[in-house]
Amino acid sequence: MLKQLCGDPIKIARDLFIASMCSILIGITWGGCRYNWASVQILVPIIVGLIGMIATVVWESRVANPFLPLRLFNSLSGAASFFCAFIQGLLLLFGMLYYLPFFFEACKTLTPTLAGISLIPITGAFVPTAIVIGIIIKRIGSYRWALWSGFGFTIIAHGLLILLDAQTSSRRWIPIFLLGGFGHGLIVMTLIICIQAIAKPEEAADAAATYTFVRTIGMCVGVAMGGSIF
């Protein structure tokens, strides 16, 4: 009956989520740049987007096959894990991979190619760490320590970014980038293991897909926030 009256419930939820997310991102992107944060042009898109998000959650809770399995968020551990995935996506793209090249091009007058090469310490530490930590967790059967330490290293690395300026030498920023890549490498692998461990065996695939989805949303918000700040 619901499908006959309203159409495909999955498409409705999808379209409502996309429209709501775009509305929020428009408000964040324009805030402080095109309009004042307290202006109607900023508050209305953000509020409308938040209302749309709430409506999406309500809708998803009432359909048989939601595109976002809300049952994965029922436990406190599950909700906290997905929140960490959102924060990790926000920090990774906003704090490092997306806007650090702007810093090198604007402050150090590097070419786009050299600015991209400057990110090698991050990616060079990120990938091996993610691989090795997965092997270690499989052998010892414990992952909480990796998640806690990963966020600890990441927070320290992002805090140290405040030290960067036009005169900062490579001997200073390379260790910071290595620390950030190491921290993110710990987080990205440990989080997906954590989320799948919390979920039921038959929900492992949904949990992994939802983790990627939530982290991507964090990346989108991170880019919008960075655009507003810069």
Protein backbone atom coordinates (compact mmCIF):
# COMPACT_ATOMS: atom_id res chain seq x y z
CA MET A 1 0.00 0.00 0.00
CA LEU A 2 2.80 2.42 0.90
CA LYS A 3 4.51 1.77 -2.42
CA GLN A 4 1.27 2.32 -4.34
CA LEU A 5 0.55 5.61 -2.58
CA CYS A 6 4.02 7.15 -2.48
CA GLY A 7 6.16 5.20 -4.94
CA ASP A 8 9.30 3.27 -4.15
CA PRO A 9 10.07 3.85 -0.42
CA ILE A 10 13.81 3.40 -1.00
CA LYS A 11 13.90 6.07 -3.70
CA ILE A 12 11.87 8.45 -1.54
CA ALA A 13 14.28 8.04 1.37
CA ARG A 14 17.26 8.41 -0.95
CA ASP A 15 15.96 11.58 -2.57
CA LEU A 16 14.96 13.06 0.78
CA PHE A 17 18.40 12.36 2.23
CA ILE A 18 20.24 13.82 -0.76
CA ALA A 19 18.10 16.97 -0.75
CA SER A 20 18.54 17.41 3.01
CA MET A 21 22.30 16.86 2.85
CA CYS A 22 22.68 19.33 -0.01
CA SER A 23 20.68 21.91 1.94
CA ILE A 24 22.95 21.54 4.97
CA LEU A 25 26.11 21.69 2.86
CA ILE A 26 24.90 24.84 1.10
CA GLY A 27 24.35 26.53 4.44
CA ILE A 28 27.78 25.49 5.73
CA THR A 29 29.53 26.50 2.51
CA TRP A 30 27.93 29.95 2.38
CA GLY A 31 28.31 30.63 6.11
CA GLY A 32 30.81 33.36 6.87
CA CYS A 33 31.66 33.79 3.19
CA ARG A 34 28.65 34.84 1.18
CA TYR A 35 26.36 35.57 4.12
CA ASN A 36 26.66 36.06 7.86
CA TRP A 37 26.19 32.89 9.93
CA ALA A 38 23.17 34.41 11.68
CA SER A 39 21.47 35.44 8.43
CA VAL A 40 18.29 33.89 7.08
CA GLN A 41 20.13 32.68 3.98
CA ILE A 42 22.30 30.44 6.16
CA LEU A 43 19.93 29.40 8.93
CA VAL A 44 17.06 28.36 6.66
CA PRO A 45 19.02 25.83 4.53
CA ILE A 46 20.66 24.31 7.60
CA ILE A 47 17.40 24.06 9.57
CA VAL A 48 15.49 22.70 6.58
CA GLY A 49 18.26 20.18 5.99
CA LEU A 50 18.21 19.03 9.62
CA ILE A 51 14.44 18.65 9.53
CA GLY A 52 14.82 16.65 6.33
CA MET A 53 17.39 14.41 8.02
CA ILE A 54 15.00 13.75 10.88
CA ALA A 55 12.25 12.99 8.39
CA THR A 56 14.60 10.58 6.60
CA VAL A 57 15.32 8.73 9.84
CA VAL A 58 11.61 8.51 10.66
CA TRP A 59 10.84 7.28 7.15
CA GLU A 60 13.65 4.71 7.26
CA SER A 61 12.35 3.36 10.56
CA ARG A 62 8.98 2.59 8.97
CA VAL A 63 9.97 0.86 5.71
CA ALA A 64 10.80 -2.81 5.28
CA ASN A 65 14.10 -2.43 3.41
CA PRO A 66 15.76 0.87 4.36
CA PHE A 67 18.85 2.04 2.48
CA LEU A 68 20.32 3.00 5.88
CA PRO A 69 19.93 0.09 8.35
CA LEU A 70 19.00 1.93 11.55
CA ARG A 71 19.22 -1.29 13.54
CA LEU A 72 23.01 -0.92 13.36
CA PHE A 73 22.71 2.24 15.46
CA ASN A 74 20.57 0.67 18.20
CA SER A 75 23.45 -0.06 20.56
CA LEU A 76 25.59 2.64 22.13
CA SER A 77 28.73 0.95 20.82
CA GLY A 78 27.37 0.88 17.28
CA ALA A 79 26.28 4.52 17.34
CA ALA A 80 29.65 5.58 18.80
CA SER A 81 31.53 3.62 16.14
CA PHE A 82 29.64 5.26 13.29
CA PHE A 83 30.11 8.67 14.91
CA CYS A 84 33.85 7.97 14.98
CA ALA A 85 33.67 7.02 11.29
CA PHE A 86 32.01 10.37 10.54
CA ILE A 87 34.66 12.28 12.52
CA GLN A 88 37.47 10.34 10.88
CA GLY A 89 36.15 11.16 7.42
CA LEU A 90 35.79 14.81 8.36
CA LEU A 91 39.33 15.06 9.76
CA LEU A 92 41.01 13.04 7.01
CA LEU A 93 39.64 14.98 4.06
CA PHE A 94 39.15 18.40 5.63
CA GLY A 95 42.21 18.46 7.87
CA MET A 96 44.75 16.86 5.59
CA LEU A 97 44.17 15.44 2.14
CA TYR A 98 41.99 18.21 0.71
CA TYR A 99 43.26 21.47 2.15
CA LEU A 100 46.95 20.88 2.85
CA PRO A 101 47.72 21.15 -0.89
CA PHE A 102 46.10 24.61 -0.76
CA PHE A 103 48.49 25.50 2.05
CA PHE A 104 51.52 24.44 0.03
CA GLU A 105 50.36 26.27 -3.08
CA ALA A 106 49.30 29.48 -1.33
CA CYS A 107 51.90 29.79 1.45
CA LYS A 108 54.89 27.98 0.02
CA THR A 109 54.14 28.77 -3.66
CA LEU A 110 54.60 25.17 -4.73
CA THR A 111 53.24 23.87 -8.00
CA PRO A 112 50.16 21.61 -7.85
CA THR A 113 52.39 18.63 -8.63
CA LEU A 114 54.80 19.36 -5.78
CA ALA A 115 51.88 20.09 -3.45
CA GLY A 116 50.51 16.64 -4.21
CA ILE A 117 53.92 15.04 -3.72
CA SER A 118 54.10 16.72 -0.31
CA LEU A 119 51.23 14.49 0.83
CA ILE A 120 53.30 11.33 0.33
CA PRO A 121 54.26 11.21 4.05
CA ILE A 122 50.55 10.96 4.90
CA THR A 123 49.61 8.32 2.34
CA GLY A 124 52.95 6.55 2.76
CA ALA A 125 52.25 6.03 6.46
CA PHE A 126 48.50 5.50 6.03
CA VAL A 127 48.44 2.45 3.75
CA PRO A 128 51.13 0.29 5.41
CA THR A 129 49.74 1.05 8.86
CA ALA A 130 46.23 -0.02 7.83
CA ILE A 131 47.58 -3.29 6.41
CA VAL A 132 49.83 -4.12 9.36
CA ILE A 133 47.26 -3.23 12.03
CA GLY A 134 44.74 -5.55 10.38
CA ILE A 135 47.23 -8.42 10.63
CA ILE A 136 48.08 -7.59 14.25
CA ILE A 137 44.43 -7.41 15.30
CA LYS A 138 43.73 -10.74 13.63
CA ARG A 139 46.54 -12.37 15.60
CA ILE A 140 45.93 -10.90 19.05
CA GLY A 141 42.13 -10.64 18.83
CA SER A 142 41.91 -7.16 20.39
CA TYR A 143 41.23 -3.88 18.62
CA ARG A 144 40.23 -1.24 21.20
CA TRP A 145 43.80 -0.21 21.92
CA ALA A 146 44.38 0.49 18.22
CA LEU A 147 41.26 2.63 17.97
CA TRP A 148 42.10 4.69 21.05
CA SER A 149 45.74 5.19 20.08
CA GLY A 150 44.77 5.96 16.48
CA PHE A 151 42.50 8.81 17.52
CA GLY A 152 45.16 9.97 19.98
CA PHE A 153 47.82 10.20 17.27
CA THR A 154 45.37 11.81 14.86
CA ILE A 155 44.28 14.48 17.33
CA ILE A 156 47.90 15.33 18.13
CA ALA A 157 48.84 15.50 14.44
CA HIS A 158 45.90 17.74 13.56
CA GLY A 159 46.65 19.98 16.53
CA LEU A 160 50.27 20.33 15.40
CA LEU A 161 49.10 21.61 12.01
CA ILE A 162 48.64 24.99 13.69
CA LEU A 163 52.45 25.28 13.69
CA LEU A 164 52.62 25.37 9.90
CA ASP A 165 53.40 28.67 8.22
CA ALA A 166 55.28 29.94 5.17
CA GLN A 167 58.64 29.44 6.92
CA THR A 168 58.01 25.91 8.20
CA SER A 169 60.76 23.58 7.02
CA SER A 170 60.20 20.06 5.73
CA ARG A 171 61.98 18.71 8.82
CA ARG A 172 59.04 20.00 10.85
CA TRP A 173 56.01 19.21 8.71
CA ILE A 174 57.06 15.76 7.47
CA PRO A 175 56.98 14.20 10.99
CA ILE A 176 53.56 15.78 11.56
CA PHE A 177 52.26 14.30 8.32
CA LEU A 178 53.74 10.90 9.14
CA LEU A 179 52.05 10.97 12.54
CA GLY A 180 48.72 11.91 10.96
CA GLY A 181 48.97 9.18 8.34
CA PHE A 182 49.89 6.65 11.01
CA GLY A 183 46.92 7.66 13.15
CA HIS A 184 44.45 7.55 10.28
CA GLY A 185 45.84 4.18 9.21
CA LEU A 186 45.13 2.81 12.67
CA ILE A 187 41.60 4.21 12.65
CA VAL A 188 40.41 3.26 9.18
CA MET A 189 41.11 -0.46 9.56
CA THR A 190 40.24 -0.73 13.23
CA LEU A 191 36.88 1.00 12.85
CA ILE A 192 35.61 -1.36 10.19
CA ILE A 193 36.73 -4.33 12.30
CA CYS A 194 35.02 -2.79 15.33
CA ILE A 195 31.77 -2.13 13.48
CA GLN A 196 31.62 -5.63 12.02
CA ALA A 197 32.41 -7.14 15.42
CA ILE A 198 29.51 -5.25 17.02
CA ALA A 199 27.04 -6.18 14.27
CA LYS A 200 25.40 -9.57 14.00
CA PRO A 201 27.09 -12.02 11.59
CA GLU A 202 24.29 -11.67 9.04
CA GLU A 203 24.61 -7.86 9.21
CA ALA A 204 28.38 -7.69 8.63
CA ALA A 205 28.05 -6.66 4.99
CA ASP A 206 25.49 -3.95 5.82
CA ALA A 207 27.73 -2.69 8.62
CA ALA A 208 30.75 -2.39 6.32
CA ALA A 209 28.75 -0.55 3.66
CA THR A 210 27.18 1.78 6.24
CA TYR A 211 30.62 2.54 7.67
CA THR A 212 31.86 3.65 4.25
CA PHE A 213 28.69 5.68 3.70
CA VAL A 214 28.94 7.49 7.05
CA ARG A 215 32.64 8.21 6.55
CA THR A 216 31.91 9.65 3.11
CA ILE A 217 29.28 11.94 4.61
CA GLY A 218 31.93 13.13 7.05
CA MET A 219 34.23 13.89 4.13
CA CYS A 220 31.51 15.94 2.42
CA VAL A 221 30.91 17.97 5.57
CA GLY A 222 34.66 18.41 6.03
CA VAL A 223 35.10 19.87 2.56
CA ALA A 224 32.18 22.25 3.11
CA MET A 225 33.56 23.37 6.47
CA GLY A 226 36.99 23.90 4.98
CA GLY A 227 35.59 25.96 2.14
CA SER A 228 33.81 28.19 4.64
CA ILE A 229 36.90 28.60 6.82
CA PHE A 230 39.32 29.27 3.98
